[in-house]
N, C-alpha and C. Protein backbone atom coordinates (compact mmCIF):
# COMPACT_ATOMS: atom_id res chain seq x y z
N MET A 1 30.05 -18.43 51.16
CA MET A 1 29.56 -19.74 50.78
C MET A 1 30.60 -20.78 51.19
N THR A 2 30.12 -21.84 51.79
CA THR A 2 30.98 -22.95 52.19
C THR A 2 30.53 -24.19 51.44
N GLN A 3 31.33 -24.61 50.47
CA GLN A 3 30.99 -25.78 49.67
C GLN A 3 31.44 -27.04 50.37
N LEU A 4 30.55 -28.01 50.47
CA LEU A 4 30.87 -29.32 51.02
C LEU A 4 30.37 -30.39 50.05
N ASP A 5 31.02 -31.53 50.11
CA ASP A 5 30.59 -32.69 49.33
C ASP A 5 30.24 -33.81 50.30
N VAL A 6 29.23 -34.56 49.94
CA VAL A 6 28.86 -35.75 50.69
C VAL A 6 28.53 -36.83 49.67
N MET A 7 28.86 -38.07 50.00
CA MET A 7 28.59 -39.18 49.08
C MET A 7 27.78 -40.25 49.80
N TYR A 8 26.80 -40.78 49.07
CA TYR A 8 25.95 -41.84 49.60
C TYR A 8 25.96 -43.02 48.64
N ARG A 9 25.86 -44.21 49.21
CA ARG A 9 25.67 -45.43 48.41
C ARG A 9 24.18 -45.72 48.40
N TYR A 10 23.67 -46.10 47.25
CA TYR A 10 22.25 -46.44 47.16
C TYR A 10 22.11 -47.91 46.78
N GLY A 11 20.95 -48.48 47.12
CA GLY A 11 20.71 -49.90 46.86
C GLY A 11 20.18 -50.12 45.46
N ALA A 12 18.88 -50.05 45.32
CA ALA A 12 18.23 -50.28 44.03
C ALA A 12 18.46 -49.08 43.11
N ALA A 13 18.58 -49.38 41.83
CA ALA A 13 18.74 -48.31 40.83
C ALA A 13 17.52 -47.40 40.88
N PRO A 14 17.72 -46.09 40.76
CA PRO A 14 16.59 -45.17 40.83
C PRO A 14 15.62 -45.37 39.67
N THR A 15 14.35 -45.28 39.98
CA THR A 15 13.31 -45.40 38.96
C THR A 15 13.26 -44.10 38.16
N GLU A 16 12.47 -44.12 37.11
CA GLU A 16 12.31 -42.91 36.30
C GLU A 16 11.69 -41.79 37.13
N ALA A 17 10.72 -42.14 37.95
CA ALA A 17 10.08 -41.13 38.81
C ALA A 17 11.08 -40.56 39.81
N ALA A 18 11.94 -41.41 40.36
CA ALA A 18 12.96 -40.95 41.31
C ALA A 18 13.95 -40.02 40.61
N MET A 19 14.32 -40.35 39.39
CA MET A 19 15.26 -39.50 38.66
C MET A 19 14.64 -38.13 38.36
N MET A 20 13.36 -38.10 38.06
CA MET A 20 12.69 -36.82 37.82
C MET A 20 12.64 -36.01 39.12
N ALA A 21 12.39 -36.69 40.24
CA ALA A 21 12.37 -36.01 41.54
C ALA A 21 13.76 -35.51 41.90
N LEU A 22 14.80 -36.28 41.57
CA LEU A 22 16.17 -35.84 41.83
C LEU A 22 16.52 -34.62 41.00
N GLY A 23 15.95 -34.52 39.82
CA GLY A 23 16.14 -33.33 39.00
C GLY A 23 15.58 -32.10 39.69
N ARG A 24 14.49 -32.28 40.42
CA ARG A 24 13.91 -31.16 41.16
C ARG A 24 14.73 -30.85 42.42
N VAL A 25 15.40 -31.86 42.98
CA VAL A 25 16.26 -31.63 44.14
C VAL A 25 17.38 -30.66 43.76
N ARG A 26 17.83 -30.78 42.54
CA ARG A 26 18.91 -29.91 42.07
C ARG A 26 18.48 -28.44 42.04
N GLU A 27 17.19 -28.20 42.02
CA GLU A 27 16.67 -26.84 42.02
C GLU A 27 16.57 -26.24 43.43
N VAL A 28 16.81 -27.06 44.45
CA VAL A 28 16.75 -26.56 45.84
C VAL A 28 17.91 -25.60 46.05
N TYR A 29 17.59 -24.45 46.64
CA TYR A 29 18.61 -23.43 46.88
C TYR A 29 19.66 -23.99 47.84
N GLY A 30 20.88 -24.10 47.39
CA GLY A 30 21.97 -24.64 48.20
C GLY A 30 22.54 -25.92 47.61
N ILE A 31 21.78 -26.65 46.82
CA ILE A 31 22.30 -27.83 46.12
C ILE A 31 23.01 -27.34 44.88
N ARG A 32 24.29 -27.66 44.76
CA ARG A 32 25.06 -27.15 43.63
C ARG A 32 25.24 -28.18 42.53
N HIS A 33 25.41 -29.47 42.90
CA HIS A 33 25.71 -30.47 41.88
C HIS A 33 25.39 -31.86 42.41
N LEU A 34 24.82 -32.70 41.54
CA LEU A 34 24.60 -34.12 41.83
C LEU A 34 25.40 -34.92 40.81
N GLN A 35 26.15 -35.90 41.27
CA GLN A 35 26.95 -36.73 40.36
C GLN A 35 26.73 -38.20 40.71
N PHE A 36 26.21 -38.96 39.76
CA PHE A 36 25.95 -40.38 39.96
C PHE A 36 27.08 -41.22 39.38
N ASP A 37 27.43 -42.30 40.08
CA ASP A 37 28.35 -43.31 39.58
C ASP A 37 27.57 -44.63 39.62
N GLU A 38 27.05 -45.02 38.46
CA GLU A 38 26.20 -46.21 38.40
C GLU A 38 26.95 -47.48 38.75
N ALA A 39 28.23 -47.57 38.36
CA ALA A 39 29.01 -48.78 38.63
C ALA A 39 29.21 -48.97 40.14
N ALA A 40 29.51 -47.89 40.86
CA ALA A 40 29.73 -47.98 42.30
C ALA A 40 28.44 -47.79 43.09
N LYS A 41 27.35 -47.46 42.41
CA LYS A 41 26.06 -47.19 43.04
C LYS A 41 26.18 -46.10 44.11
N THR A 42 26.81 -44.98 43.70
CA THR A 42 26.95 -43.86 44.61
C THR A 42 26.44 -42.58 43.96
N VAL A 43 26.07 -41.64 44.82
CA VAL A 43 25.71 -40.30 44.38
C VAL A 43 26.51 -39.33 45.24
N ARG A 44 27.15 -38.39 44.58
CA ARG A 44 27.93 -37.37 45.28
C ARG A 44 27.18 -36.05 45.13
N VAL A 45 26.97 -35.38 46.26
CA VAL A 45 26.21 -34.14 46.27
C VAL A 45 27.13 -33.01 46.76
N GLU A 46 27.22 -31.97 45.95
CA GLU A 46 27.94 -30.76 46.35
C GLU A 46 26.87 -29.77 46.80
N TYR A 47 27.04 -29.23 48.01
CA TYR A 47 26.04 -28.31 48.54
C TYR A 47 26.68 -27.17 49.31
N ASP A 48 25.91 -26.13 49.53
CA ASP A 48 26.34 -24.96 50.27
C ASP A 48 25.97 -25.16 51.73
N ALA A 49 26.99 -25.32 52.58
CA ALA A 49 26.75 -25.61 53.99
C ALA A 49 26.21 -24.42 54.76
N THR A 50 26.26 -23.22 54.18
CA THR A 50 25.65 -22.07 54.85
C THR A 50 24.13 -22.07 54.65
N ARG A 51 23.65 -22.87 53.70
CA ARG A 51 22.21 -22.95 53.41
C ARG A 51 21.58 -24.27 53.86
N LEU A 52 22.34 -25.36 53.78
CA LEU A 52 21.82 -26.70 54.08
C LEU A 52 22.77 -27.44 55.00
N SER A 53 22.25 -28.43 55.69
CA SER A 53 23.10 -29.33 56.49
C SER A 53 23.08 -30.71 55.84
N GLU A 54 24.01 -31.56 56.24
CA GLU A 54 24.10 -32.90 55.67
C GLU A 54 22.82 -33.71 55.91
N PRO A 55 22.21 -33.67 57.11
CA PRO A 55 20.95 -34.41 57.30
C PRO A 55 19.83 -33.95 56.37
N ILE A 56 19.80 -32.67 56.04
CA ILE A 56 18.76 -32.17 55.13
C ILE A 56 19.02 -32.69 53.72
N VAL A 57 20.29 -32.72 53.30
CA VAL A 57 20.63 -33.27 51.98
C VAL A 57 20.22 -34.74 51.92
N HIS A 58 20.52 -35.48 52.97
CA HIS A 58 20.13 -36.90 53.04
C HIS A 58 18.61 -37.04 52.93
N GLN A 59 17.89 -36.21 53.64
CA GLN A 59 16.42 -36.27 53.62
C GLN A 59 15.88 -35.93 52.23
N LEU A 60 16.48 -34.95 51.55
CA LEU A 60 16.03 -34.61 50.20
C LEU A 60 16.18 -35.79 49.25
N LEU A 61 17.30 -36.51 49.36
CA LEU A 61 17.52 -37.67 48.50
C LEU A 61 16.52 -38.77 48.81
N ARG A 62 16.29 -39.03 50.10
CA ARG A 62 15.34 -40.07 50.49
C ARG A 62 13.92 -39.74 50.02
N ARG A 63 13.53 -38.49 50.19
CA ARG A 63 12.17 -38.08 49.78
C ARG A 63 11.97 -38.12 48.28
N SER A 64 13.07 -38.04 47.54
CA SER A 64 12.95 -38.12 46.08
C SER A 64 12.71 -39.55 45.61
N GLY A 65 12.93 -40.52 46.50
CA GLY A 65 12.71 -41.91 46.15
C GLY A 65 13.99 -42.70 45.96
N LEU A 66 15.15 -42.07 46.21
CA LEU A 66 16.42 -42.78 46.09
C LEU A 66 16.61 -43.69 47.30
N ASP A 67 16.99 -44.94 47.06
CA ASP A 67 17.18 -45.93 48.12
C ASP A 67 18.57 -45.75 48.74
N VAL A 68 18.70 -44.73 49.60
CA VAL A 68 19.99 -44.44 50.24
C VAL A 68 20.28 -45.50 51.29
N VAL A 69 21.44 -46.14 51.16
CA VAL A 69 21.82 -47.22 52.08
C VAL A 69 22.76 -46.72 53.16
N GLU A 70 23.80 -45.95 52.75
CA GLU A 70 24.78 -45.49 53.72
C GLU A 70 25.52 -44.27 53.19
N ARG A 71 26.13 -43.56 54.11
CA ARG A 71 27.02 -42.45 53.75
C ARG A 71 28.40 -43.03 53.53
N VAL A 72 29.08 -42.59 52.49
CA VAL A 72 30.40 -43.09 52.15
C VAL A 72 31.42 -42.00 52.47
N SER A 73 32.50 -42.39 53.11
CA SER A 73 33.56 -41.44 53.45
C SER A 73 34.30 -41.03 52.19
N LEU A 74 34.56 -39.75 52.06
CA LEU A 74 35.31 -39.23 50.92
C LEU A 74 36.81 -39.24 51.20
N LEU A 75 37.21 -39.54 52.44
CA LEU A 75 38.62 -39.61 52.78
C LEU A 75 39.16 -40.99 52.46
N PRO A 76 40.36 -41.09 51.90
CA PRO A 76 40.94 -42.40 51.64
C PRO A 76 41.29 -43.07 52.97
N PRO A 77 41.32 -44.40 52.98
CA PRO A 77 41.69 -45.09 54.22
C PRO A 77 43.10 -44.68 54.66
N GLN A 78 43.25 -44.44 55.94
CA GLN A 78 44.53 -44.02 56.48
C GLN A 78 45.34 -45.24 56.92
N PRO A 79 46.65 -45.23 56.69
CA PRO A 79 47.47 -46.37 57.11
C PRO A 79 47.53 -46.44 58.63
N GLU A 80 47.63 -47.66 59.12
CA GLU A 80 47.74 -47.87 60.56
C GLU A 80 49.11 -47.38 61.03
N PRO A 81 49.18 -46.70 62.18
CA PRO A 81 50.48 -46.25 62.67
C PRO A 81 51.33 -47.45 63.09
N VAL A 82 52.60 -47.36 62.80
CA VAL A 82 53.55 -48.43 63.17
C VAL A 82 54.03 -48.16 64.59
N VAL A 83 53.83 -49.15 65.45
CA VAL A 83 54.25 -49.01 66.84
C VAL A 83 55.58 -49.72 66.98
N ALA A 84 56.56 -49.00 67.43
CA ALA A 84 57.90 -49.59 67.63
C ALA A 84 57.89 -50.43 68.89
N THR A 85 58.42 -51.64 68.78
CA THR A 85 58.53 -52.50 69.96
C THR A 85 59.95 -52.39 70.51
N PRO A 86 60.07 -52.41 71.82
CA PRO A 86 61.43 -52.30 72.40
C PRO A 86 62.26 -53.52 72.01
N ALA A 87 63.55 -53.30 71.80
CA ALA A 87 64.46 -54.38 71.43
C ALA A 87 64.68 -55.30 72.62
N ALA A 88 64.79 -56.59 72.35
CA ALA A 88 65.02 -57.58 73.40
C ALA A 88 66.43 -57.41 73.96
N ALA A 89 66.56 -57.51 75.27
CA ALA A 89 67.87 -57.29 75.91
C ALA A 89 68.72 -58.52 75.89
């Protein structure tokens, strides 16, 4: 089993019907965990990459009625490399 996480930002708050459909998404073989952050309007999905791919996870969320806007990177922003300038002669 290869566990992966993916995070998406959503627009409109999920309706009651969408939340019920998302509950059924959790029953899909390969979906391990759904975690919502209402303040940041994100959903983090832990899934088994040997069973599902990221596009399929995205499609499952969209079909449930969640207004997925974009995929959010789970990596923190990396600092820009410092380029040394030659000393003036």
